[in-house]
Amino acid sequence: MAHLNDAAKAKITEICERYTDEKTPLMMILSDIQREYGYIPLEVQELVSEKTGIPVAEIYGVVTFYSFFSLKPKGKYIIGCCLGTACYVKGAQAIIDRFSELLSIRPGETTEDGLFTLDALRCLGACGIAPAVSINGKVHPKVTPDQVQEIIKKLREEAAN
């Protein structure tokens, strides 16, 4: 979506038009675009601005403030390592470090093959099963650094099938 084609422009325009009667439509528009394309690059923000009259600076501020919006494409598997207090105390830093080492990316980055995005999360609300890791929204309990290589291996096998 780096350079918007006509179909993408039409879809984004249609999304903007869904909310013309809303007093504050931005979050709904951005959520729909994120769900449709997986990210919201500057070119899309400019089109939303053009269609809604909302300044690009305001749109950019919202996209960068909320962690569920992304400026870059995410991987097929979004791995979120909880670093909230309970998870951190039970070794979450070692888990995210191991994912980072094996995938050769830092939190917030996506592997070159587009398979994995690694995110550091503040709290999954799963303190009783700490340390917790979320993979595409499914929470995995009591993960250890020793399990990380096997998790990655299974996800690669799943992606290959």
C-alpha atoms as a PDB file:
ATOM      1  CA  MET A   1       0.000   0.000   0.000  1.00  0.00           C
ATOM      2  CA  ALA A   2       3.068   2.249  -0.119  1.00  0.00           C
ATOM      3  CA  HIS A   3       1.652   4.047  -3.142  1.00  0.00           C
ATOM      4  CA  LEU A   4      -2.106   4.013  -3.059  1.00  0.00           C
ATOM      5  CA  ASN A   5      -3.740   2.451  -6.068  1.00  0.00           C
ATOM      6  CA  ASP A   6      -7.216   3.478  -7.213  1.00  0.00           C
ATOM      7  CA  ALA A   7      -8.904   0.572  -5.412  1.00  0.00           C
ATOM      8  CA  ALA A   8      -7.241   1.479  -2.093  1.00  0.00           C
ATOM      9  CA  LYS A   9      -8.169   5.149  -2.532  1.00  0.00           C
ATOM     10  CA  ALA A  10     -11.774   4.169  -3.229  1.00  0.00           C
ATOM     11  CA  LYS A  11     -11.901   1.865  -0.182  1.00  0.00           C
ATOM     12  CA  ILE A  12     -10.435   4.511   2.132  1.00  0.00           C
ATOM     13  CA  THR A  13     -12.845   7.105   0.747  1.00  0.00           C
ATOM     14  CA  GLU A  14     -15.730   4.696   1.387  1.00  0.00           C
ATOM     15  CA  ILE A  15     -14.518   4.161   4.969  1.00  0.00           C
ATOM     16  CA  CYS A  16     -14.370   7.927   5.540  1.00  0.00           C
ATOM     17  CA  GLU A  17     -17.855   8.361   4.090  1.00  0.00           C
ATOM     18  CA  ARG A  18     -19.300   5.773   6.510  1.00  0.00           C
ATOM     19  CA  TYR A  19     -18.768   8.227   9.338  1.00  0.00           C
ATOM     20  CA  THR A  20     -19.759  11.582   7.811  1.00  0.00           C
ATOM     21  CA  ASP A  21     -22.632  11.920  10.299  1.00  0.00           C
ATOM     22  CA  GLU A  22     -20.395  11.262  13.308  1.00  0.00           C
ATOM     23  CA  LYS A  23     -19.297  14.185  15.442  1.00  0.00           C
ATOM     24  CA  THR A  24     -15.833  12.702  16.069  1.00  0.00           C
ATOM     25  CA  PRO A  25     -15.201  10.061  13.376  1.00  0.00           C
ATOM     26  CA  LEU A  26     -11.402   9.770  13.445  1.00  0.00           C
ATOM     27  CA  MET A  27     -10.972   6.754  15.738  1.00  0.00           C
ATOM     28  CA  MET A  28     -13.622   4.783  13.846  1.00  0.00           C
ATOM     29  CA  ILE A  29     -12.104   5.654  10.464  1.00  0.00           C
ATOM     30  CA  LEU A  30      -8.576   4.764  11.588  1.00  0.00           C
ATOM     31  CA  SER A  31      -9.759   1.529  13.221  1.00  0.00           C
ATOM     32  CA  ASP A  32     -11.474   0.431  10.016  1.00  0.00           C
ATOM     33  CA  ILE A  33      -8.404   1.280   7.932  1.00  0.00           C
ATOM     34  CA  GLN A  34      -6.089  -0.542  10.361  1.00  0.00           C
ATOM     35  CA  ARG A  35      -8.386  -3.590  10.256  1.00  0.00           C
ATOM     36  CA  GLU A  36      -8.548  -3.485   6.435  1.00  0.00           C
ATOM     37  CA  TYR A  37      -4.853  -2.915   5.655  1.00  0.00           C
ATOM     38  CA  GLY A  38      -2.952  -3.675   8.869  1.00  0.00           C
ATOM     39  CA  TYR A  39      -1.281  -0.262   9.049  1.00  0.00           C
ATOM     40  CA  ILE A  40      -1.821   3.443   8.384  1.00  0.00           C
ATOM     41  CA  PRO A  41       1.089   5.051   6.485  1.00  0.00           C
ATOM     42  CA  LEU A  42       1.422   8.806   5.958  1.00  0.00           C
ATOM     43  CA  GLU A  43      -0.068   8.670   2.454  1.00  0.00           C
ATOM     44  CA  VAL A  44      -3.266   7.182   3.898  1.00  0.00           C
ATOM     45  CA  GLN A  45      -3.322   9.783   6.663  1.00  0.00           C
ATOM     46  CA  GLU A  46      -3.097  12.509   4.014  1.00  0.00           C
ATOM     47  CA  LEU A  47      -6.054  11.018   2.128  1.00  0.00           C
ATOM     48  CA  VAL A  48      -8.099  10.779   5.341  1.00  0.00           C
ATOM     49  CA  SER A  49      -7.249  14.428   6.017  1.00  0.00           C
ATOM     50  CA  GLU A  50      -8.373  15.412   2.540  1.00  0.00           C
ATOM     51  CA  LYS A  51     -11.655  13.508   2.898  1.00  0.00           C
ATOM     52  CA  THR A  52     -12.485  14.612   6.465  1.00  0.00           C
ATOM     53  CA  GLY A  53     -10.872  18.022   6.843  1.00  0.00           C
ATOM     54  CA  ILE A  54      -9.006  16.781   9.924  1.00  0.00           C
ATOM     55  CA  PRO A  55      -5.405  18.063   9.889  1.00  0.00           C
ATOM     56  CA  VAL A  56      -2.711  15.472   9.108  1.00  0.00           C
ATOM     57  CA  ALA A  57      -0.894  16.465  12.318  1.00  0.00           C
ATOM     58  CA  GLU A  58      -3.935  15.492  14.382  1.00  0.00           C
ATOM     59  CA  ILE A  59      -4.332  12.192  12.526  1.00  0.00           C
ATOM     60  CA  TYR A  60      -0.620  11.417  12.919  1.00  0.00           C
ATOM     61  CA  GLY A  61      -0.865  12.234  16.627  1.00  0.00           C
ATOM     62  CA  VAL A  62      -3.666   9.719  17.092  1.00  0.00           C
ATOM     63  CA  VAL A  63      -1.950   7.014  15.008  1.00  0.00           C
ATOM     64  CA  THR A  64       1.293   7.342  16.964  1.00  0.00           C
ATOM     65  CA  PHE A  65      -0.352   7.690  20.389  1.00  0.00           C
ATOM     66  CA  TYR A  66      -2.416   4.494  20.358  1.00  0.00           C
ATOM     67  CA  SER A  67      -0.428   1.265  20.236  1.00  0.00           C
ATOM     68  CA  PHE A  68      -3.047  -0.632  18.240  1.00  0.00           C
ATOM     69  CA  PHE A  69      -2.399   1.613  15.225  1.00  0.00           C
ATOM     70  CA  SER A  70       0.741   1.083  13.185  1.00  0.00           C
ATOM     71  CA  LEU A  71       2.660   3.193  10.664  1.00  0.00           C
ATOM     72  CA  LYS A  72       4.303   0.085   9.198  1.00  0.00           C
ATOM     73  CA  PRO A  73       2.962  -3.296   8.104  1.00  0.00           C
ATOM     74  CA  LYS A  74       2.827  -5.969  10.786  1.00  0.00           C
ATOM     75  CA  GLY A  75       3.905  -9.556  10.373  1.00  0.00           C
ATOM     76  CA  LYS A  76       1.641 -12.546   9.899  1.00  0.00           C
ATOM     77  CA  TYR A  77       2.345 -13.429  13.530  1.00  0.00           C
ATOM     78  CA  ILE A  78       2.258 -10.595  16.028  1.00  0.00           C
ATOM     79  CA  ILE A  79       4.106 -11.696  19.132  1.00  0.00           C
ATOM     80  CA  GLY A  80       3.385  -9.543  22.150  1.00  0.00           C
ATOM     81  CA  CYS A  81       5.495 -10.119  25.223  1.00  0.00           C
ATOM     82  CA  CYS A  82       3.914  -8.758  28.381  1.00  0.00           C
ATOM     83  CA  LEU A  83       6.319  -6.661  30.414  1.00  0.00           C
ATOM     84  CA  GLY A  84       3.814  -5.692  33.098  1.00  0.00           C
ATOM     85  CA  THR A  85       4.946  -6.012  36.699  1.00  0.00           C
ATOM     86  CA  ALA A  86       3.863  -9.630  37.311  1.00  0.00           C
ATOM     87  CA  CYS A  87       5.320 -10.858  34.024  1.00  0.00           C
ATOM     88  CA  TYR A  88       8.482  -8.812  34.397  1.00  0.00           C
ATOM     89  CA  VAL A  89       9.137 -10.157  37.891  1.00  0.00           C
ATOM     90  CA  LYS A  90       8.723 -13.701  36.564  1.00  0.00           C
ATOM     91  CA  GLY A  91      11.285 -13.268  33.776  1.00  0.00           C
ATOM     92  CA  ALA A  92       9.480 -11.643  30.832  1.00  0.00           C
ATOM     93  CA  GLN A  93      12.540  -9.603  29.846  1.00  0.00           C
ATOM     94  CA  ALA A  94      14.497 -12.793  29.165  1.00  0.00           C
ATOM     95  CA  ILE A  95      11.626 -14.046  26.992  1.00  0.00           C
ATOM     96  CA  ILE A  96      11.407 -10.934  24.824  1.00  0.00           C
ATOM     97  CA  ASP A  97      15.215 -10.881  24.611  1.00  0.00           C
ATOM     98  CA  ARG A  98      15.174 -14.484  23.346  1.00  0.00           C
ATOM     99  CA  PHE A  99      12.518 -13.729  20.708  1.00  0.00           C
ATOM    100  CA  SER A 100      14.545 -10.700  19.680  1.00  0.00           C
ATOM    101  CA  GLU A 101      17.746 -12.733  19.416  1.00  0.00           C
ATOM    102  CA  LEU A 102      16.224 -15.610  17.428  1.00  0.00           C
ATOM    103  CA  LEU A 103      14.207 -13.384  15.080  1.00  0.00           C
ATOM    104  CA  SER A 104      16.971 -10.758  14.705  1.00  0.00           C
ATOM    105  CA  ILE A 105      14.562  -7.902  15.397  1.00  0.00           C
ATOM    106  CA  ARG A 106      13.895  -5.533  18.260  1.00  0.00           C
ATOM    107  CA  PRO A 107      10.492  -4.881  19.808  1.00  0.00           C
ATOM    108  CA  GLY A 108       8.405  -2.817  17.415  1.00  0.00           C
ATOM    109  CA  GLU A 109      10.046  -4.359  14.341  1.00  0.00           C
ATOM    110  CA  THR A 110       8.969  -6.932  11.766  1.00  0.00           C
ATOM    111  CA  THR A 111      11.160  -9.637  10.245  1.00  0.00           C
ATOM    112  CA  GLU A 112      12.257  -9.131   6.638  1.00  0.00           C
ATOM    113  CA  ASP A 113      10.165 -12.106   5.517  1.00  0.00           C
ATOM    114  CA  GLY A 114       7.053 -10.453   6.960  1.00  0.00           C
ATOM    115  CA  LEU A 115       6.289 -13.395   9.223  1.00  0.00           C
ATOM    116  CA  PHE A 116       6.884 -11.939  12.683  1.00  0.00           C
ATOM    117  CA  THR A 117       6.341  -8.666  14.485  1.00  0.00           C
ATOM    118  CA  LEU A 118       7.654  -8.420  18.029  1.00  0.00           C
ATOM    119  CA  ASP A 119       5.913  -6.079  20.462  1.00  0.00           C
ATOM    120  CA  ALA A 120       6.588  -5.221  24.084  1.00  0.00           C
ATOM    121  CA  LEU A 121       3.245  -4.933  25.874  1.00  0.00           C
ATOM    122  CA  ARG A 122       2.634  -3.147  29.147  1.00  0.00           C
ATOM    123  CA  CYS A 123      -0.005  -5.550  30.495  1.00  0.00           C
ATOM    124  CA  LEU A 124      -2.087  -8.361  29.082  1.00  0.00           C
ATOM    125  CA  GLY A 125      -4.199  -8.655  32.230  1.00  0.00           C
ATOM    126  CA  ALA A 126      -2.998 -12.228  32.625  1.00  0.00           C
ATOM    127  CA  CYS A 127      -0.992 -11.766  35.817  1.00  0.00           C
ATOM    128  CA  GLY A 128      -2.034 -15.132  37.237  1.00  0.00           C
ATOM    129  CA  ILE A 129      -0.347 -16.959  34.353  1.00  0.00           C
ATOM    130  CA  ALA A 130       2.776 -14.802  34.150  1.00  0.00           C
ATOM    131  CA  PRO A 131       4.904 -14.548  32.178  1.00  0.00           C
ATOM    132  CA  ALA A 132       2.404 -14.335  29.343  1.00  0.00           C
ATOM    133  CA  VAL A 133       2.952 -13.992  25.596  1.00  0.00           C
ATOM    134  CA  SER A 134       0.239 -13.106  23.108  1.00  0.00           C
ATOM    135  CA  ILE A 135       0.442 -14.454  19.549  1.00  0.00           C
ATOM    136  CA  ASN A 136      -2.178 -12.939  17.256  1.00  0.00           C
ATOM    137  CA  GLY A 137      -4.323 -12.299  20.311  1.00  0.00           C
ATOM    138  CA  LYS A 138      -4.084 -15.798  21.805  1.00  0.00           C
ATOM    139  CA  VAL A 139      -2.447 -15.708  25.227  1.00  0.00           C
ATOM    140  CA  HIS A 140       0.179 -18.329  26.052  1.00  0.00           C
ATOM    141  CA  PRO A 141       0.729 -18.868  29.801  1.00  0.00           C
ATOM    142  CA  LYS A 142       3.915 -19.264  31.804  1.00  0.00           C
ATOM    143  CA  VAL A 143       6.264 -19.016  28.834  1.00  0.00           C
ATOM    144  CA  THR A 144       9.957 -19.623  29.461  1.00  0.00           C
ATOM    145  CA  PRO A 145      12.963 -18.556  27.375  1.00  0.00           C
ATOM    146  CA  ASP A 146      13.582 -22.234  26.620  1.00  0.00           C
ATOM    147  CA  GLN A 147      10.189 -22.480  24.881  1.00  0.00           C
ATOM    148  CA  VAL A 148      10.762 -19.562  22.505  1.00  0.00           C
ATOM    149  CA  GLN A 149      12.698 -21.484  19.838  1.00  0.00           C
ATOM    150  CA  GLU A 150       9.976 -24.151  19.675  1.00  0.00           C
ATOM    151  CA  ILE A 151       7.233 -21.500  19.446  1.00  0.00           C
ATOM    152  CA  ILE A 152       8.997 -19.877  16.494  1.00  0.00           C
ATOM    153  CA  LYS A 153       9.579 -23.266  14.838  1.00  0.00           C
ATOM    154  CA  LYS A 154       5.869 -24.185  15.098  1.00  0.00           C
ATOM    155  CA  LEU A 155       4.775 -20.822  13.701  1.00  0.00           C
ATOM    156  CA  ARG A 156       7.198 -21.170  10.756  1.00  0.00           C
ATOM    157  CA  GLU A 157       5.845 -24.670  10.049  1.00  0.00           C
ATOM    158  CA  GLU A 158       2.271 -23.383  10.245  1.00  0.00           C
ATOM    159  CA  ALA A 159       3.110 -20.556   7.827  1.00  0.00           C
ATOM    160  CA  ALA A 160       4.680 -23.015   5.371  1.00  0.00           C
ATOM    161  CA  ASN A 161       1.507 -25.123   5.193  1.00  0.00           C
END
